[in-house]
Each structure stands twice: as structure tokens, then as C-alpha cells.
Amino acid sequence: MTVLHGLDEQGAWQKQWRPLAERQVLDTFYCLMDGLYSERYLYSRMEYERRLESIWPIH
């Protein structure tokens, strides 16, 4: 949780995203992780890796 807090502060300070409440950052992180975990078992490995690579440039 400390790591996520630091990333949130750094991103807001660098104006990469708007400041968010810590709870919002945690909820977003866990939703993303839950979705990735579910997709790993629903799609082929190649499709999963394609999706994983596709989401990281978005900010």
C-alpha cells in the first residue's frame, strides 16, 4: 500500500494524472489486478499478453 501511495503522489506531482483520494487509487489498482487475473483464465496466453501490453501505455 505504501508503494501505491508513493506512486499516486509522484504521478500527481508530475501532473501525469489528477490528484485522487488514496481509496480511489487502491480501488483502481485492485480492479485492474482482478480483471487481469480473470482474463488470464478466460483467454489464450497470446491474447492475455496482448491485452496486458496494450493497457500499460494508457494514462
N, C-alpha and C. Protein backbone atom coordinates (compact mmCIF):
# COMPACT_ATOMS: atom_id res chain seq x y z
N MET A 1 0.82 -1.18 0.00
CA MET A 1 0.00 0.00 0.00
C MET A 1 0.87 1.25 0.00
N THR A 2 1.99 1.21 0.68
CA THR A 2 2.90 2.35 0.71
C THR A 2 3.43 2.65 -0.69
N VAL A 3 3.71 1.61 -1.46
CA VAL A 3 4.22 1.80 -2.82
C VAL A 3 3.17 2.50 -3.67
N LEU A 4 1.92 2.05 -3.58
CA LEU A 4 0.86 2.70 -4.35
C LEU A 4 0.67 4.15 -3.94
N HIS A 5 0.77 4.41 -2.66
CA HIS A 5 0.64 5.78 -2.17
C HIS A 5 1.75 6.66 -2.77
N GLY A 6 2.98 6.16 -2.78
CA GLY A 6 4.09 6.91 -3.35
C GLY A 6 3.92 7.14 -4.84
N LEU A 7 3.44 6.14 -5.56
CA LEU A 7 3.21 6.30 -7.00
C LEU A 7 2.12 7.32 -7.27
N ASP A 8 1.08 7.29 -6.46
CA ASP A 8 0.00 8.27 -6.61
C ASP A 8 0.51 9.69 -6.40
N GLU A 9 1.27 9.90 -5.34
CA GLU A 9 1.81 11.23 -5.07
C GLU A 9 2.75 11.69 -6.17
N GLN A 10 3.61 10.79 -6.64
CA GLN A 10 4.56 11.15 -7.68
C GLN A 10 3.83 11.50 -8.98
N GLY A 11 2.85 10.70 -9.37
CA GLY A 11 2.10 10.98 -10.59
C GLY A 11 1.35 12.30 -10.53
N ALA A 12 0.76 12.60 -9.37
CA ALA A 12 0.05 13.87 -9.22
C ALA A 12 1.04 15.03 -9.25
N TRP A 13 2.18 14.88 -8.57
CA TRP A 13 3.19 15.94 -8.54
C TRP A 13 3.73 16.23 -9.94
N GLN A 14 3.92 15.17 -10.74
CA GLN A 14 4.42 15.34 -12.10
C GLN A 14 3.30 15.68 -13.09
N LYS A 15 2.10 15.84 -12.57
CA LYS A 15 0.92 16.18 -13.37
C LYS A 15 0.64 15.13 -14.45
N GLN A 16 0.91 13.86 -14.13
CA GLN A 16 0.58 12.78 -15.04
C GLN A 16 -0.88 12.38 -14.88
N TRP A 17 -1.46 12.67 -13.74
CA TRP A 17 -2.88 12.47 -13.51
C TRP A 17 -3.32 13.42 -12.40
N ARG A 18 -4.60 13.57 -12.31
CA ARG A 18 -5.13 14.47 -11.28
C ARG A 18 -5.03 13.81 -9.92
N PRO A 19 -4.93 14.59 -8.87
CA PRO A 19 -4.86 14.01 -7.53
C PRO A 19 -6.13 13.22 -7.21
N LEU A 20 -5.97 12.06 -6.63
CA LEU A 20 -7.09 11.20 -6.26
C LEU A 20 -6.99 10.85 -4.79
N ALA A 21 -8.11 10.53 -4.21
CA ALA A 21 -8.11 10.04 -2.84
C ALA A 21 -7.40 8.68 -2.81
N GLU A 22 -6.71 8.40 -1.72
CA GLU A 22 -5.98 7.14 -1.62
C GLU A 22 -6.90 5.94 -1.85
N ARG A 23 -8.11 6.01 -1.37
CA ARG A 23 -9.07 4.91 -1.56
C ARG A 23 -9.35 4.68 -3.04
N GLN A 24 -9.44 5.78 -3.82
CA GLN A 24 -9.68 5.66 -5.27
C GLN A 24 -8.51 4.97 -5.96
N VAL A 25 -7.30 5.30 -5.55
CA VAL A 25 -6.11 4.68 -6.14
C VAL A 25 -6.10 3.19 -5.84
N LEU A 26 -6.38 2.82 -4.60
CA LEU A 26 -6.41 1.41 -4.22
C LEU A 26 -7.52 0.66 -4.95
N ASP A 27 -8.70 1.25 -5.02
CA ASP A 27 -9.80 0.59 -5.73
C ASP A 27 -9.47 0.37 -7.19
N THR A 28 -8.87 1.36 -7.82
CA THR A 28 -8.48 1.25 -9.22
C THR A 28 -7.45 0.14 -9.41
N PHE A 29 -6.45 0.11 -8.55
CA PHE A 29 -5.41 -0.91 -8.64
C PHE A 29 -6.00 -2.32 -8.50
N TYR A 30 -6.85 -2.50 -7.50
CA TYR A 30 -7.41 -3.83 -7.28
C TYR A 30 -8.38 -4.24 -8.39
N CYS A 31 -9.12 -3.31 -8.95
CA CYS A 31 -9.99 -3.64 -10.09
C CYS A 31 -9.16 -4.09 -11.28
N LEU A 32 -8.07 -3.38 -11.53
CA LEU A 32 -7.19 -3.75 -12.63
C LEU A 32 -6.59 -5.14 -12.40
N MET A 33 -6.11 -5.39 -11.19
CA MET A 33 -5.50 -6.68 -10.89
C MET A 33 -6.53 -7.81 -10.95
N ASP A 34 -7.73 -7.58 -10.44
CA ASP A 34 -8.79 -8.60 -10.51
C ASP A 34 -9.14 -8.91 -11.96
N GLY A 35 -9.24 -7.87 -12.77
CA GLY A 35 -9.55 -8.07 -14.19
C GLY A 35 -8.47 -8.85 -14.91
N LEU A 36 -7.21 -8.52 -14.65
CA LEU A 36 -6.11 -9.24 -15.28
C LEU A 36 -6.08 -10.70 -14.84
N TYR A 37 -6.33 -10.92 -13.56
CA TYR A 37 -6.34 -12.29 -13.05
C TYR A 37 -7.45 -13.11 -13.73
N SER A 38 -8.63 -12.52 -13.85
CA SER A 38 -9.74 -13.22 -14.50
C SER A 38 -9.44 -13.49 -15.97
N GLU A 39 -8.91 -12.49 -16.66
CA GLU A 39 -8.63 -12.65 -18.09
C GLU A 39 -7.58 -13.72 -18.35
N ARG A 40 -6.68 -13.90 -17.43
CA ARG A 40 -5.62 -14.91 -17.60
C ARG A 40 -6.23 -16.29 -17.79
N TYR A 41 -7.38 -16.53 -17.18
CA TYR A 41 -8.01 -17.85 -17.27
C TYR A 41 -9.13 -17.92 -18.30
N LEU A 42 -9.51 -16.78 -18.87
CA LEU A 42 -10.58 -16.76 -19.85
C LEU A 42 -10.08 -16.75 -21.29
N TYR A 43 -8.87 -16.25 -21.49
CA TYR A 43 -8.34 -16.08 -22.85
C TYR A 43 -7.05 -16.85 -23.03
N SER A 44 -6.67 -17.02 -24.27
CA SER A 44 -5.40 -17.70 -24.56
C SER A 44 -4.25 -16.86 -24.01
N ARG A 45 -3.11 -17.49 -23.83
CA ARG A 45 -1.94 -16.78 -23.32
C ARG A 45 -1.55 -15.63 -24.24
N MET A 46 -1.62 -15.86 -25.55
CA MET A 46 -1.26 -14.82 -26.51
C MET A 46 -2.21 -13.62 -26.40
N GLU A 47 -3.51 -13.87 -26.28
CA GLU A 47 -4.47 -12.78 -26.15
C GLU A 47 -4.29 -12.05 -24.81
N TYR A 48 -4.04 -12.80 -23.77
CA TYR A 48 -3.81 -12.19 -22.45
C TYR A 48 -2.59 -11.27 -22.51
N GLU A 49 -1.49 -11.74 -23.07
CA GLU A 49 -0.28 -10.92 -23.15
C GLU A 49 -0.50 -9.69 -24.04
N ARG A 50 -1.28 -9.84 -25.11
CA ARG A 50 -1.59 -8.70 -25.97
C ARG A 50 -2.35 -7.64 -25.17
N ARG A 51 -3.33 -8.07 -24.41
CA ARG A 51 -4.12 -7.13 -23.60
C ARG A 51 -3.26 -6.47 -22.53
N LEU A 52 -2.41 -7.25 -21.89
CA LEU A 52 -1.54 -6.72 -20.85
C LEU A 52 -0.62 -5.63 -21.41
N GLU A 53 -0.02 -5.89 -22.54
CA GLU A 53 0.87 -4.89 -23.17
C GLU A 53 0.08 -3.66 -23.62
N SER A 54 -1.16 -3.86 -24.01
CA SER A 54 -1.98 -2.76 -24.53
C SER A 54 -2.36 -1.76 -23.45
N ILE A 55 -2.55 -2.19 -22.21
CA ILE A 55 -3.06 -1.28 -21.18
C ILE A 55 -1.99 -0.38 -20.59
N TRP A 56 -0.72 -0.79 -20.58
CA TRP A 56 0.30 -0.02 -19.86
C TRP A 56 0.56 1.38 -20.44
N PRO A 57 0.47 1.61 -21.76
CA PRO A 57 0.72 2.97 -22.24
C PRO A 57 -0.38 3.96 -21.91
N ILE A 58 -1.53 3.50 -21.46
CA ILE A 58 -2.66 4.39 -21.20
C ILE A 58 -2.50 5.07 -19.87
N HIS A 59 -2.60 6.39 -19.85
CA HIS A 59 -2.54 7.15 -18.60
C HIS A 59 -3.27 8.45 -18.73
